[in-house]
N, C-alpha and C. Protein backbone atom coordinates (compact mmCIF):
# COMPACT_ATOMS: atom_id res chain seq x y z
N UNK A 1 -105.55 30.28 157.16
CA UNK A 1 -105.74 31.66 157.52
C UNK A 1 -104.77 32.02 158.64
N UNK A 2 -104.16 33.17 158.55
CA UNK A 2 -103.21 33.63 159.54
C UNK A 2 -103.96 34.23 160.73
N UNK A 3 -103.94 33.52 161.85
CA UNK A 3 -104.66 33.99 163.03
C UNK A 3 -103.81 34.97 163.83
N UNK A 4 -104.39 36.09 164.19
CA UNK A 4 -103.69 37.10 164.99
C UNK A 4 -104.23 37.04 166.42
N UNK A 5 -103.33 37.23 167.36
CA UNK A 5 -103.73 37.25 168.76
C UNK A 5 -103.35 38.58 169.36
N UNK A 6 -104.07 38.99 170.35
CA UNK A 6 -103.72 40.22 171.06
C UNK A 6 -103.22 39.83 172.45
N UNK A 7 -102.65 40.79 173.14
CA UNK A 7 -102.14 40.53 174.47
C UNK A 7 -102.21 41.80 175.30
N UNK A 8 -102.09 41.63 176.59
CA UNK A 8 -102.09 42.75 177.51
C UNK A 8 -100.66 42.95 177.98
N UNK A 9 -100.16 44.16 177.85
CA UNK A 9 -98.80 44.48 178.24
C UNK A 9 -98.82 45.07 179.64
N UNK A 10 -98.13 44.41 180.62
CA UNK A 10 -98.09 45.01 181.95
C UNK A 10 -97.41 46.37 181.88
N UNK A 11 -97.92 47.32 182.62
CA UNK A 11 -97.44 48.69 182.47
C UNK A 11 -97.42 49.37 183.81
N UNK A 12 -96.34 50.07 184.12
CA UNK A 12 -96.23 50.86 185.34
C UNK A 12 -96.98 52.17 185.11
N UNK A 13 -98.15 52.29 185.69
CA UNK A 13 -99.01 53.45 185.43
C UNK A 13 -98.45 54.75 185.97
N UNK A 14 -97.50 54.68 186.87
CA UNK A 14 -96.92 55.90 187.44
C UNK A 14 -95.71 56.39 186.65
N UNK A 15 -95.26 55.60 185.70
CA UNK A 15 -94.05 55.93 184.95
C UNK A 15 -94.41 56.21 183.50
N UNK A 16 -94.16 57.44 183.03
CA UNK A 16 -94.44 57.77 181.63
C UNK A 16 -93.31 57.23 180.76
N UNK A 17 -93.65 56.39 179.84
CA UNK A 17 -92.68 55.83 178.91
C UNK A 17 -92.75 56.60 177.60
N UNK A 18 -91.71 56.50 176.83
CA UNK A 18 -91.65 57.13 175.51
C UNK A 18 -91.64 56.03 174.45
N UNK A 19 -92.13 56.32 173.25
CA UNK A 19 -92.08 55.31 172.19
C UNK A 19 -90.65 54.86 171.92
N UNK A 20 -90.49 53.57 171.69
CA UNK A 20 -89.16 53.04 171.38
C UNK A 20 -88.91 53.00 169.88
N UNK A 21 -89.95 53.25 169.09
CA UNK A 21 -89.84 53.25 167.63
C UNK A 21 -90.26 54.59 167.06
N UNK A 22 -89.56 55.04 166.06
CA UNK A 22 -90.05 56.15 165.22
C UNK A 22 -90.79 55.46 164.09
N UNK A 23 -92.05 55.81 163.91
CA UNK A 23 -92.86 55.06 162.96
C UNK A 23 -93.55 56.01 161.99
N UNK A 24 -93.57 55.63 160.73
CA UNK A 24 -94.30 56.43 159.74
C UNK A 24 -95.75 56.53 160.19
N UNK A 25 -96.26 57.74 160.20
CA UNK A 25 -97.62 57.93 160.70
C UNK A 25 -97.70 58.07 162.20
N UNK A 26 -96.55 58.20 162.85
CA UNK A 26 -96.51 58.36 164.30
C UNK A 26 -97.31 59.58 164.75
N UNK A 27 -97.88 59.50 165.93
CA UNK A 27 -98.79 60.54 166.42
C UNK A 27 -98.16 61.47 167.46
N UNK A 28 -96.88 61.32 167.77
CA UNK A 28 -96.25 62.13 168.82
C UNK A 28 -96.47 63.62 168.64
N UNK A 29 -96.40 64.10 167.43
CA UNK A 29 -96.49 65.55 167.19
C UNK A 29 -97.92 66.09 167.24
N UNK A 30 -98.92 65.21 167.25
CA UNK A 30 -100.31 65.69 167.25
C UNK A 30 -101.11 65.19 168.46
N UNK A 31 -100.42 64.76 169.50
CA UNK A 31 -101.11 64.19 170.65
C UNK A 31 -102.12 65.15 171.28
N UNK A 32 -101.75 66.40 171.46
CA UNK A 32 -102.68 67.35 172.09
C UNK A 32 -103.96 67.50 171.28
N UNK A 33 -103.83 67.55 169.97
CA UNK A 33 -105.01 67.65 169.12
C UNK A 33 -105.87 66.39 169.21
N UNK A 34 -105.23 65.23 169.25
CA UNK A 34 -105.97 63.97 169.34
C UNK A 34 -106.74 63.87 170.65
N UNK A 35 -106.10 64.27 171.74
CA UNK A 35 -106.73 64.12 173.05
C UNK A 35 -107.97 64.99 173.22
N UNK A 36 -108.13 66.00 172.38
CA UNK A 36 -109.36 66.80 172.42
C UNK A 36 -110.58 65.96 172.06
N UNK A 37 -110.38 64.86 171.33
CA UNK A 37 -111.48 64.00 170.90
C UNK A 37 -111.71 62.82 171.84
N UNK A 38 -110.86 62.65 172.83
CA UNK A 38 -110.99 61.55 173.77
C UNK A 38 -112.01 61.92 174.85
N UNK A 39 -112.76 60.94 175.35
CA UNK A 39 -113.63 61.24 176.49
C UNK A 39 -112.79 61.60 177.71
N UNK A 40 -113.37 62.35 178.63
CA UNK A 40 -112.64 62.76 179.84
C UNK A 40 -112.28 61.56 180.70
N UNK A 41 -113.17 60.56 180.72
CA UNK A 41 -112.95 59.38 181.55
C UNK A 41 -113.43 58.15 180.80
N UNK A 42 -112.68 57.07 180.88
CA UNK A 42 -113.10 55.81 180.29
C UNK A 42 -112.44 54.66 181.03
N UNK A 43 -113.05 53.47 180.96
CA UNK A 43 -112.57 52.32 181.71
C UNK A 43 -111.68 51.38 180.91
N UNK A 44 -111.84 51.39 179.59
CA UNK A 44 -111.06 50.48 178.73
C UNK A 44 -110.44 51.27 177.60
N UNK A 45 -109.25 50.82 177.21
CA UNK A 45 -108.57 51.46 176.08
C UNK A 45 -108.15 50.38 175.10
N UNK A 46 -108.53 50.53 173.85
CA UNK A 46 -108.17 49.60 172.78
C UNK A 46 -107.28 50.32 171.77
N UNK A 47 -106.15 49.73 171.46
CA UNK A 47 -105.23 50.31 170.47
C UNK A 47 -104.97 49.25 169.41
N UNK A 48 -105.78 49.25 168.32
CA UNK A 48 -105.63 48.21 167.30
C UNK A 48 -104.41 48.40 166.40
N UNK A 49 -103.88 49.61 166.32
CA UNK A 49 -102.73 49.90 165.45
C UNK A 49 -101.66 50.59 166.28
N UNK A 50 -100.98 49.85 167.12
CA UNK A 50 -100.06 50.41 168.11
C UNK A 50 -98.89 51.15 167.50
N UNK A 51 -98.26 50.58 166.49
CA UNK A 51 -97.07 51.21 165.90
C UNK A 51 -96.04 51.51 166.95
N UNK A 52 -95.57 52.75 167.02
CA UNK A 52 -94.60 53.14 168.05
C UNK A 52 -95.22 53.32 169.42
N UNK A 53 -96.53 53.43 169.50
CA UNK A 53 -97.22 53.49 170.78
C UNK A 53 -97.31 54.87 171.41
N UNK A 54 -97.13 55.93 170.64
CA UNK A 54 -97.12 57.29 171.21
C UNK A 54 -98.40 57.63 171.96
N UNK A 55 -99.55 57.29 171.39
CA UNK A 55 -100.82 57.62 172.04
C UNK A 55 -100.96 56.83 173.34
N UNK A 56 -100.80 55.53 173.26
CA UNK A 56 -100.94 54.67 174.43
C UNK A 56 -99.98 55.08 175.55
N UNK A 57 -98.73 55.31 175.21
CA UNK A 57 -97.72 55.62 176.23
C UNK A 57 -97.90 56.99 176.86
N UNK A 58 -98.60 57.89 176.21
CA UNK A 58 -98.76 59.23 176.76
C UNK A 58 -100.06 59.42 177.54
N UNK A 59 -100.91 58.41 177.56
CA UNK A 59 -102.18 58.53 178.27
C UNK A 59 -101.99 58.51 179.78
N UNK A 60 -102.87 59.21 180.48
CA UNK A 60 -102.96 59.10 181.93
C UNK A 60 -103.73 57.81 182.18
N UNK A 61 -103.10 56.81 182.68
CA UNK A 61 -103.68 55.46 182.76
C UNK A 61 -104.70 55.31 183.88
N UNK A 62 -105.81 56.01 183.77
CA UNK A 62 -106.88 55.91 184.76
C UNK A 62 -107.98 54.98 184.29
N UNK A 63 -107.63 53.90 183.60
CA UNK A 63 -108.63 52.95 183.16
C UNK A 63 -108.26 51.56 183.65
N UNK A 64 -109.24 50.68 183.69
CA UNK A 64 -109.05 49.35 184.28
C UNK A 64 -108.33 48.40 183.34
N UNK A 65 -108.60 48.49 182.06
CA UNK A 65 -108.03 47.55 181.10
C UNK A 65 -107.50 48.29 179.89
N UNK A 66 -106.38 47.80 179.38
CA UNK A 66 -105.88 48.30 178.10
C UNK A 66 -105.53 47.11 177.23
N UNK A 67 -105.83 47.23 175.94
CA UNK A 67 -105.58 46.17 174.98
C UNK A 67 -104.83 46.78 173.81
N UNK A 68 -103.65 46.25 173.53
CA UNK A 68 -102.86 46.80 172.43
C UNK A 68 -102.58 45.71 171.41
N UNK A 69 -102.45 46.12 170.15
CA UNK A 69 -102.23 45.17 169.07
C UNK A 69 -101.69 45.92 167.86
N UNK A 70 -101.19 45.18 166.89
CA UNK A 70 -100.77 45.76 165.62
C UNK A 70 -100.80 44.68 164.56
N UNK A 71 -101.15 45.05 163.34
CA UNK A 71 -101.17 44.10 162.23
C UNK A 71 -99.77 43.68 161.81
N UNK A 72 -98.79 44.55 162.03
CA UNK A 72 -97.42 44.27 161.64
C UNK A 72 -96.84 43.22 162.59
N UNK A 73 -96.54 42.06 162.05
CA UNK A 73 -96.06 40.95 162.87
C UNK A 73 -94.76 41.29 163.60
N UNK A 74 -93.89 42.07 162.99
CA UNK A 74 -92.63 42.43 163.64
C UNK A 74 -92.86 43.31 164.86
N UNK A 75 -93.78 44.27 164.75
CA UNK A 75 -94.10 45.12 165.90
C UNK A 75 -94.76 44.29 166.99
N UNK A 76 -95.69 43.45 166.60
CA UNK A 76 -96.36 42.58 167.56
C UNK A 76 -95.33 41.74 168.31
N UNK A 77 -94.40 41.14 167.56
CA UNK A 77 -93.36 40.30 168.16
C UNK A 77 -92.48 41.10 169.10
N UNK A 78 -92.10 42.31 168.72
CA UNK A 78 -91.28 43.17 169.57
C UNK A 78 -91.96 43.41 170.91
N UNK A 79 -93.23 43.78 170.91
CA UNK A 79 -93.93 44.05 172.16
C UNK A 79 -94.17 42.78 172.98
N UNK A 80 -94.33 41.65 172.32
CA UNK A 80 -94.43 40.37 173.05
C UNK A 80 -93.11 40.07 173.76
N UNK A 81 -91.99 40.31 173.10
CA UNK A 81 -90.68 40.09 173.73
C UNK A 81 -90.52 41.01 174.93
N UNK A 82 -90.91 42.26 174.79
CA UNK A 82 -90.85 43.20 175.91
C UNK A 82 -91.72 42.71 177.05
N UNK A 83 -92.93 42.27 176.73
CA UNK A 83 -93.84 41.77 177.75
C UNK A 83 -93.22 40.61 178.51
N UNK A 84 -92.66 39.64 177.80
CA UNK A 84 -92.07 38.47 178.45
C UNK A 84 -90.89 38.86 179.33
N UNK A 85 -90.07 39.80 178.88
CA UNK A 85 -88.93 40.22 179.68
C UNK A 85 -89.35 41.01 180.92
N UNK A 86 -90.43 41.78 180.82
CA UNK A 86 -90.94 42.50 181.99
C UNK A 86 -91.48 41.56 183.04
N UNK A 87 -92.02 40.44 182.60
CA UNK A 87 -92.62 39.48 183.53
C UNK A 87 -91.58 38.58 184.18
N UNK A 88 -90.38 38.53 183.64
CA UNK A 88 -89.32 37.66 184.20
C UNK A 88 -88.52 38.37 185.24
């Protein structure tokens, strides 16, 4: 069985980043509509289908923990490489 792992990506909460990928099904154009369904305040954020990361990257990071992941191994690998380079 192919085991998938998740990871926490260190993130500068004061710096708004933009998605590095244009992805089919990307949410950049509907962010305002999506945020109407989000609670006003929450402590944890889970993103099981990160893709280009438009939702995650546009959030006001007022939560204690964020967990990001994607089923696509290439996307997962890309963000792991970014994580490792940010930590070095």
